[in-house]
């Protein structure tokens, strides 16, 4: 079952969104558990007891863009919950990129966009649910989520897996590790460096800046292919 929240302070539009999701769920035989909220406080109160998988969030509450602040808070407190902005106002299409979200959709296009939205939600779920089992040189056995990997670097006969909260040294080659990772989400920027594309902040002339603050070298030989792979990934994952 997928736990879905819909937040909109306009009762009529809230019910329209709920009806669209119910029709979509019946048509595609999806097991969605829907919950409707007319206030952000009611949503966050419910989120203390329910682990929502996705929230469809209006942007304006009481005439102010409080929905964007709500998604920023959601990113920090419930990072596994995926966010979709549902609005009538195009002027917020740039502001929402200060938050981690899946889609920005106009209310009048909501029902027709649902197949694309749920296809992307499924891709992100598969990526986040993926993990590999590694055996670092210190003798541990570690189950490591693919999304936690920032990059992998080969040094001599050791591969360093740089994750968000730790660094692991393993004997497996980069090619062996890459075969275990989600296809399309990891790309080489150097013969000895494999980067997790969602962790890329900026691609520079001869380096790649990552979201942990590190900058890794990008060789001229790999630069064109890396950029192409990044844009291919971006076309599928961003809106």
C-alpha atoms as a PDB file:
ATOM      1  CA  UNK A   1       0.000   0.000   0.000  1.00  0.00           C
ATOM      2  CA  UNK A   2       1.187   3.510  -0.861  1.00  0.00           C
ATOM      3  CA  UNK A   3       0.394   6.187   1.729  1.00  0.00           C
ATOM      4  CA  UNK A   4      -0.605   9.374  -0.125  1.00  0.00           C
ATOM      5  CA  UNK A   5      -1.375  12.793   1.366  1.00  0.00           C
ATOM      6  CA  UNK A   6      -3.032  15.677  -0.468  1.00  0.00           C
ATOM      7  CA  UNK A   7      -2.768  19.179   1.047  1.00  0.00           C
ATOM      8  CA  UNK A   8      -4.881  22.084  -0.216  1.00  0.00           C
ATOM      9  CA  UNK A   9      -6.745  24.750   1.754  1.00  0.00           C
ATOM     10  CA  UNK A  10      -9.389  25.054  -0.996  1.00  0.00           C
ATOM     11  CA  UNK A  11     -11.953  22.350  -0.198  1.00  0.00           C
ATOM     12  CA  UNK A  12     -13.331  22.055  -3.731  1.00  0.00           C
ATOM     13  CA  UNK A  13      -9.898  21.716  -5.350  1.00  0.00           C
ATOM     14  CA  UNK A  14      -8.822  19.295  -2.636  1.00  0.00           C
ATOM     15  CA  UNK A  15     -11.760  17.021  -3.422  1.00  0.00           C
ATOM     16  CA  UNK A  16     -11.076  17.275  -7.172  1.00  0.00           C
ATOM     17  CA  UNK A  17      -7.486  16.137  -6.617  1.00  0.00           C
ATOM     18  CA  UNK A  18      -8.662  13.262  -4.413  1.00  0.00           C
ATOM     19  CA  UNK A  19     -11.191  12.181  -7.071  1.00  0.00           C
ATOM     20  CA  UNK A  20      -8.506  12.255  -9.788  1.00  0.00           C
ATOM     21  CA  UNK A  21      -6.223  10.046  -7.681  1.00  0.00           C
ATOM     22  CA  UNK A  22      -9.072   7.622  -6.908  1.00  0.00           C
ATOM     23  CA  UNK A  23      -9.900   7.273 -10.617  1.00  0.00           C
ATOM     24  CA  UNK A  24      -6.227   6.791 -11.482  1.00  0.00           C
ATOM     25  CA  UNK A  25      -5.819   4.145  -8.775  1.00  0.00           C
ATOM     26  CA  UNK A  26      -8.870   2.197 -10.002  1.00  0.00           C
ATOM     27  CA  UNK A  27      -7.787   2.425 -13.633  1.00  0.00           C
ATOM     28  CA  UNK A  28      -4.275   1.138 -12.909  1.00  0.00           C
ATOM     29  CA  UNK A  29      -5.179  -1.148  -9.997  1.00  0.00           C
ATOM     30  CA  UNK A  30      -2.941   0.679  -7.567  1.00  0.00           C
ATOM     31  CA  UNK A  31      -3.299   0.228  -3.825  1.00  0.00           C
ATOM     32  CA  UNK A  32      -3.297   3.862  -2.683  1.00  0.00           C
ATOM     33  CA  UNK A  33      -4.375   4.954   0.789  1.00  0.00           C
ATOM     34  CA  UNK A  34      -5.431   8.601   0.389  1.00  0.00           C
ATOM     35  CA  UNK A  35      -5.591  11.225   3.132  1.00  0.00           C
ATOM     36  CA  UNK A  36      -6.803  14.805   2.610  1.00  0.00           C
ATOM     37  CA  UNK A  37      -5.681  17.847   4.614  1.00  0.00           C
ATOM     38  CA  UNK A  38      -6.883  21.449   4.429  1.00  0.00           C
ATOM     39  CA  UNK A  39      -4.135  22.766   6.706  1.00  0.00           C
ATOM     40  CA  UNK A  40      -0.407  22.200   6.975  1.00  0.00           C
ATOM     41  CA  UNK A  41      -0.656  21.734  10.716  1.00  0.00           C
ATOM     42  CA  UNK A  42      -3.158  18.911  10.255  1.00  0.00           C
ATOM     43  CA  UNK A  43      -0.804  17.253   7.750  1.00  0.00           C
ATOM     44  CA  UNK A  44       2.257  17.431  10.014  1.00  0.00           C
ATOM     45  CA  UNK A  45       0.210  16.196  12.977  1.00  0.00           C
ATOM     46  CA  UNK A  46      -0.840  13.156  10.936  1.00  0.00           C
ATOM     47  CA  UNK A  47       2.741  12.641   9.714  1.00  0.00           C
ATOM     48  CA  UNK A  48       3.808  11.948  13.293  1.00  0.00           C
ATOM     49  CA  UNK A  49       1.842   8.703  13.115  1.00  0.00           C
ATOM     50  CA  UNK A  50       1.800   7.874   9.384  1.00  0.00           C
ATOM     51  CA  UNK A  51       4.878   7.427   7.186  1.00  0.00           C
ATOM     52  CA  UNK A  52       3.608   9.052   4.007  1.00  0.00           C
ATOM     53  CA  UNK A  53       5.239   7.868   0.784  1.00  0.00           C
ATOM     54  CA  UNK A  54       4.163  10.876  -1.291  1.00  0.00           C
ATOM     55  CA  UNK A  55       2.475  14.206  -0.664  1.00  0.00           C
ATOM     56  CA  UNK A  56       0.712  16.354  -3.266  1.00  0.00           C
ATOM     57  CA  UNK A  57       1.191  19.865  -1.908  1.00  0.00           C
ATOM     58  CA  UNK A  58      -0.575  23.068  -2.846  1.00  0.00           C
ATOM     59  CA  UNK A  59       1.720  26.086  -2.704  1.00  0.00           C
ATOM     60  CA  UNK A  60      -0.504  28.927  -1.510  1.00  0.00           C
ATOM     61  CA  UNK A  61      -2.106  28.681   1.916  1.00  0.00           C
ATOM     62  CA  UNK A  62      -3.934  31.810   3.137  1.00  0.00           C
ATOM     63  CA  UNK A  63      -2.535  33.628   0.102  1.00  0.00           C
ATOM     64  CA  UNK A  64       1.104  32.920   0.977  1.00  0.00           C
ATOM     65  CA  UNK A  65       3.536  30.329  -0.495  1.00  0.00           C
ATOM     66  CA  UNK A  66       3.615  28.301   2.722  1.00  0.00           C
ATOM     67  CA  UNK A  67       3.633  25.021   0.796  1.00  0.00           C
ATOM     68  CA  UNK A  68       7.251  25.568  -0.255  1.00  0.00           C
ATOM     69  CA  UNK A  69       8.345  26.015   3.366  1.00  0.00           C
ATOM     70  CA  UNK A  70       6.339  22.901   4.246  1.00  0.00           C
ATOM     71  CA  UNK A  71       8.207  20.822   1.650  1.00  0.00           C
ATOM     72  CA  UNK A  72      11.537  22.187   2.886  1.00  0.00           C
ATOM     73  CA  UNK A  73      10.573  21.034   6.380  1.00  0.00           C
ATOM     74  CA  UNK A  74       9.436  17.704   4.940  1.00  0.00           C
ATOM     75  CA  UNK A  75      12.801  17.236   3.179  1.00  0.00           C
ATOM     76  CA  UNK A  76      14.565  17.613   6.529  1.00  0.00           C
ATOM     77  CA  UNK A  77      12.234  15.604   8.774  1.00  0.00           C
ATOM     78  CA  UNK A  78      10.843  12.972   6.366  1.00  0.00           C
ATOM     79  CA  UNK A  79      13.382  12.630   3.519  1.00  0.00           C
ATOM     80  CA  UNK A  80      11.816   9.385   2.270  1.00  0.00           C
ATOM     81  CA  UNK A  81       8.511  11.133   1.534  1.00  0.00           C
ATOM     82  CA  UNK A  82       8.374  12.276  -2.089  1.00  0.00           C
ATOM     83  CA  UNK A  83       6.854  15.669  -2.824  1.00  0.00           C
ATOM     84  CA  UNK A  84       4.757  16.812  -5.779  1.00  0.00           C
ATOM     85  CA  UNK A  85       3.722  20.463  -6.041  1.00  0.00           C
ATOM     86  CA  UNK A  86       0.113  20.920  -7.155  1.00  0.00           C
ATOM     87  CA  UNK A  87      -0.722  24.546  -7.877  1.00  0.00           C
ATOM     88  CA  UNK A  88      -2.568  27.042 -10.066  1.00  0.00           C
ATOM     89  CA  UNK A  89       0.315  29.509 -10.181  1.00  0.00           C
ATOM     90  CA  UNK A  90       3.222  29.276 -12.612  1.00  0.00           C
ATOM     91  CA  UNK A  91       5.141  32.072 -10.892  1.00  0.00           C
ATOM     92  CA  UNK A  92       6.380  29.590  -8.282  1.00  0.00           C
ATOM     93  CA  UNK A  93       7.987  27.246 -10.822  1.00  0.00           C
ATOM     94  CA  UNK A  94      11.478  28.589 -10.011  1.00  0.00           C
ATOM     95  CA  UNK A  95      11.061  28.988  -6.236  1.00  0.00           C
ATOM     96  CA  UNK A  96      10.228  25.303  -5.747  1.00  0.00           C
ATOM     97  CA  UNK A  97      13.727  24.294  -6.868  1.00  0.00           C
ATOM     98  CA  UNK A  98      15.025  25.334  -3.464  1.00  0.00           C
ATOM     99  CA  UNK A  99      13.433  22.084  -2.278  1.00  0.00           C
ATOM    100  CA  UNK A 100      13.721  18.416  -3.173  1.00  0.00           C
ATOM    101  CA  UNK A 101      10.598  17.488  -5.132  1.00  0.00           C
ATOM    102  CA  UNK A 102       9.471  15.123  -7.873  1.00  0.00           C
ATOM    103  CA  UNK A 103       7.149  17.240  -9.989  1.00  0.00           C
ATOM    104  CA  UNK A 104       5.558  20.684 -10.400  1.00  0.00           C
ATOM    105  CA  UNK A 105       2.122  20.349 -11.961  1.00  0.00           C
ATOM    106  CA  UNK A 106      -0.729  22.768 -12.611  1.00  0.00           C
ATOM    107  CA  UNK A 107      -4.057  21.725 -11.126  1.00  0.00           C
ATOM    108  CA  UNK A 108      -5.823  21.895 -14.482  1.00  0.00           C
ATOM    109  CA  UNK A 109      -3.326  19.347 -15.882  1.00  0.00           C
ATOM    110  CA  UNK A 110      -3.188  17.120 -12.815  1.00  0.00           C
ATOM    111  CA  UNK A 111      -5.187  14.115 -13.998  1.00  0.00           C
ATOM    112  CA  UNK A 112      -3.548  13.915 -17.409  1.00  0.00           C
ATOM    113  CA  UNK A 113      -0.066  14.138 -15.830  1.00  0.00           C
ATOM    114  CA  UNK A 114      -0.652  11.394 -13.256  1.00  0.00           C
ATOM    115  CA  UNK A 115       0.790   8.551 -15.404  1.00  0.00           C
ATOM    116  CA  UNK A 116       4.075  10.466 -15.835  1.00  0.00           C
ATOM    117  CA  UNK A 117       4.184  11.467 -12.182  1.00  0.00           C
ATOM    118  CA  UNK A 118       3.666   7.928 -10.904  1.00  0.00           C
ATOM    119  CA  UNK A 119       6.174   6.526 -13.395  1.00  0.00           C
ATOM    120  CA  UNK A 120       8.782   8.884 -11.967  1.00  0.00           C
ATOM    121  CA  UNK A 121       7.715   8.126  -8.392  1.00  0.00           C
ATOM    122  CA  UNK A 122       8.267   4.425  -9.124  1.00  0.00           C
ATOM    123  CA  UNK A 123      11.760   5.050 -10.549  1.00  0.00           C
ATOM    124  CA  UNK A 124      12.753   7.033  -7.475  1.00  0.00           C
ATOM    125  CA  UNK A 125      11.330   4.380  -5.171  1.00  0.00           C
ATOM    126  CA  UNK A 126      13.327   1.658  -6.935  1.00  0.00           C
ATOM    127  CA  UNK A 127      16.496   3.756  -6.712  1.00  0.00           C
ATOM    128  CA  UNK A 128      16.015   4.502  -3.005  1.00  0.00           C
ATOM    129  CA  UNK A 129      15.122   0.906  -2.195  1.00  0.00           C
ATOM    130  CA  UNK A 130      18.237  -0.483  -3.899  1.00  0.00           C
ATOM    131  CA  UNK A 131      21.219  -1.579  -1.823  1.00  0.00           C
ATOM    132  CA  UNK A 132      24.433  -3.553  -2.184  1.00  0.00           C
ATOM    133  CA  UNK A 133      26.240  -5.783   0.286  1.00  0.00           C
ATOM    134  CA  UNK A 134      29.956  -5.043   0.623  1.00  0.00           C
ATOM    135  CA  UNK A 135      32.800  -6.540   2.636  1.00  0.00           C
ATOM    136  CA  UNK A 136      35.253  -3.811   3.699  1.00  0.00           C
ATOM    137  CA  UNK A 137      38.851  -4.763   4.462  1.00  0.00           C
ATOM    138  CA  UNK A 138      38.193  -4.518   8.209  1.00  0.00           C
ATOM    139  CA  UNK A 139      36.131  -7.705   8.041  1.00  0.00           C
ATOM    140  CA  UNK A 140      32.654  -6.231   8.375  1.00  0.00           C
ATOM    141  CA  UNK A 141      29.677  -7.100   6.174  1.00  0.00           C
ATOM    142  CA  UNK A 142      27.765  -3.909   5.316  1.00  0.00           C
ATOM    143  CA  UNK A 143      24.378  -3.420   3.676  1.00  0.00           C
ATOM    144  CA  UNK A 144      24.774  -0.070   1.909  1.00  0.00           C
ATOM    145  CA  UNK A 145      21.932   1.876   0.282  1.00  0.00           C
ATOM    146  CA  UNK A 146      22.871   2.925  -3.253  1.00  0.00           C
ATOM    147  CA  UNK A 147      21.471   6.421  -2.684  1.00  0.00           C
ATOM    148  CA  UNK A 148      23.942   6.926   0.195  1.00  0.00           C
ATOM    149  CA  UNK A 149      26.939   6.453  -2.107  1.00  0.00           C
ATOM    150  CA  UNK A 150      28.486   9.745  -3.268  1.00  0.00           C
ATOM    151  CA  UNK A 151      31.273   8.331  -5.431  1.00  0.00           C
ATOM    152  CA  UNK A 152      33.647   5.386  -5.756  1.00  0.00           C
ATOM    153  CA  UNK A 153      37.356   5.812  -6.459  1.00  0.00           C
ATOM    154  CA  UNK A 154      39.926   3.154  -7.334  1.00  0.00           C
ATOM    155  CA  UNK A 155      43.304   3.615  -5.667  1.00  0.00           C
ATOM    156  CA  UNK A 156      45.952   0.992  -6.434  1.00  0.00           C
ATOM    157  CA  UNK A 157      44.161  -2.290  -5.715  1.00  0.00           C
ATOM    158  CA  UNK A 158      41.540  -0.803  -3.388  1.00  0.00           C
ATOM    159  CA  UNK A 159      38.190   0.814  -4.188  1.00  0.00           C
ATOM    160  CA  UNK A 160      37.121   3.591  -1.802  1.00  0.00           C
ATOM    161  CA  UNK A 161      33.341   3.868  -1.513  1.00  0.00           C
ATOM    162  CA  UNK A 162      32.653   7.373  -0.231  1.00  0.00           C
ATOM    163  CA  UNK A 163      29.180   7.383   1.319  1.00  0.00           C
ATOM    164  CA  UNK A 164      27.306  10.150   3.099  1.00  0.00           C
ATOM    165  CA  UNK A 165      28.291   9.022   6.581  1.00  0.00           C
ATOM    166  CA  UNK A 166      31.303   6.765   6.132  1.00  0.00           C
ATOM    167  CA  UNK A 167      34.072   5.609   3.800  1.00  0.00           C
ATOM    168  CA  UNK A 168      34.542   1.921   2.973  1.00  0.00           C
ATOM    169  CA  UNK A 169      37.594   0.286   1.411  1.00  0.00           C
ATOM    170  CA  UNK A 170      36.896  -2.879  -0.586  1.00  0.00           C
ATOM    171  CA  UNK A 171      38.908  -5.038  -2.966  1.00  0.00           C
ATOM    172  CA  UNK A 172      36.286  -5.245  -5.700  1.00  0.00           C
ATOM    173  CA  UNK A 173      37.027  -3.334  -8.893  1.00  0.00           C
ATOM    174  CA  UNK A 174      34.848  -0.384  -9.901  1.00  0.00           C
ATOM    175  CA  UNK A 175      33.384  -2.389 -12.802  1.00  0.00           C
ATOM    176  CA  UNK A 176      32.325  -5.137 -10.380  1.00  0.00           C
ATOM    177  CA  UNK A 177      30.684  -2.636  -8.046  1.00  0.00           C
ATOM    178  CA  UNK A 178      28.966  -0.799 -10.895  1.00  0.00           C
ATOM    179  CA  UNK A 179      27.328  -4.024 -12.077  1.00  0.00           C
ATOM    180  CA  UNK A 180      25.513  -4.168  -8.714  1.00  0.00           C
ATOM    181  CA  UNK A 181      24.292  -0.556  -8.805  1.00  0.00           C
ATOM    182  CA  UNK A 182      21.117   0.879 -10.430  1.00  0.00           C
ATOM    183  CA  UNK A 183      21.735   1.389 -14.137  1.00  0.00           C
ATOM    184  CA  UNK A 184      21.580   4.976 -15.335  1.00  0.00           C
ATOM    185  CA  UNK A 185      22.279   6.525 -11.934  1.00  0.00           C
ATOM    186  CA  UNK A 186      26.070   6.085 -11.818  1.00  0.00           C
ATOM    187  CA  UNK A 187      28.582   7.313 -14.407  1.00  0.00           C
ATOM    188  CA  UNK A 188      32.378   7.439 -14.752  1.00  0.00           C
ATOM    189  CA  UNK A 189      34.038  10.863 -14.918  1.00  0.00           C
ATOM    190  CA  UNK A 190      37.496   9.258 -14.895  1.00  0.00           C
ATOM    191  CA  UNK A 191      38.878   5.768 -15.458  1.00  0.00           C
ATOM    192  CA  UNK A 192      39.112   5.384 -11.675  1.00  0.00           C
ATOM    193  CA  UNK A 193      36.103   7.429 -10.461  1.00  0.00           C
ATOM    194  CA  UNK A 194      32.417   6.484 -10.547  1.00  0.00           C
ATOM    195  CA  UNK A 195      29.917   9.171  -9.510  1.00  0.00           C
ATOM    196  CA  UNK A 196      26.358   8.864  -8.212  1.00  0.00           C
ATOM    197  CA  UNK A 197      24.585  11.293 -10.570  1.00  0.00           C
ATOM    198  CA  UNK A 198      21.915  12.482  -8.076  1.00  0.00           C
ATOM    199  CA  UNK A 199      24.820  13.654  -5.888  1.00  0.00           C
ATOM    200  CA  UNK A 200      26.202  16.003  -8.568  1.00  0.00           C
ATOM    201  CA  UNK A 201      25.923  19.711  -7.749  1.00  0.00           C
ATOM    202  CA  UNK A 202      27.952  21.147 -10.626  1.00  0.00           C
ATOM    203  CA  UNK A 203      29.904  19.866 -13.629  1.00  0.00           C
ATOM    204  CA  UNK A 204      32.958  22.023 -14.230  1.00  0.00           C
ATOM    205  CA  UNK A 205      35.545  22.063 -17.010  1.00  0.00           C
ATOM    206  CA  UNK A 206      37.731  19.348 -15.519  1.00  0.00           C
ATOM    207  CA  UNK A 207      36.000  18.388 -12.270  1.00  0.00           C
ATOM    208  CA  UNK A 208      32.663  17.470 -10.691  1.00  0.00           C
ATOM    209  CA  UNK A 209      31.381  19.101  -7.497  1.00  0.00           C
ATOM    210  CA  UNK A 210      29.372  16.732  -5.288  1.00  0.00           C
ATOM    211  CA  UNK A 211      26.816  17.409  -2.579  1.00  0.00           C
ATOM    212  CA  UNK A 212      29.166  16.374   0.239  1.00  0.00           C
ATOM    213  CA  UNK A 213      31.397  19.315  -0.718  1.00  0.00           C
ATOM    214  CA  UNK A 214      34.076  17.225  -2.420  1.00  0.00           C
ATOM    215  CA  UNK A 215      35.342  17.966  -5.919  1.00  0.00           C
ATOM    216  CA  UNK A 216      36.575  15.018  -7.991  1.00  0.00           C
ATOM    217  CA  UNK A 217      38.679  15.131 -11.136  1.00  0.00           C
ATOM    218  CA  UNK A 218      37.059  14.646 -14.532  1.00  0.00           C
ATOM    219  CA  UNK A 219      39.387  13.578 -17.337  1.00  0.00           C
ATOM    220  CA  UNK A 220      39.076  14.975 -20.848  1.00  0.00           C
ATOM    221  CA  UNK A 221      38.586  11.462 -22.199  1.00  0.00           C
ATOM    222  CA  UNK A 222      35.449  10.935 -20.092  1.00  0.00           C
ATOM    223  CA  UNK A 223      34.063  14.493 -20.028  1.00  0.00           C
ATOM    224  CA  UNK A 224      31.759  14.311 -23.045  1.00  0.00           C
ATOM    225  CA  UNK A 225      30.267  10.914 -22.180  1.00  0.00           C
ATOM    226  CA  UNK A 226      29.811  11.935 -18.541  1.00  0.00           C
ATOM    227  CA  UNK A 227      27.917  15.085 -19.489  1.00  0.00           C
ATOM    228  CA  UNK A 228      25.729  13.133 -21.920  1.00  0.00           C
ATOM    229  CA  UNK A 229      24.916  10.544 -19.247  1.00  0.00           C
ATOM    230  CA  UNK A 230      24.136  13.291 -16.754  1.00  0.00           C
ATOM    231  CA  UNK A 231      21.707  15.022 -19.113  1.00  0.00           C
ATOM    232  CA  UNK A 232      20.102  11.691 -19.966  1.00  0.00           C
ATOM    233  CA  UNK A 233      19.610  11.049 -16.257  1.00  0.00           C
ATOM    234  CA  UNK A 234      18.303  14.604 -15.729  1.00  0.00           C
ATOM    235  CA  UNK A 235      15.731  14.221 -18.534  1.00  0.00           C
ATOM    236  CA  UNK A 236      14.248  11.238 -16.707  1.00  0.00           C
ATOM    237  CA  UNK A 237      14.485  12.498 -13.132  1.00  0.00           C
ATOM    238  CA  UNK A 238      13.833  16.237 -13.225  1.00  0.00           C
ATOM    239  CA  UNK A 239      10.967  18.427 -14.384  1.00  0.00           C
END
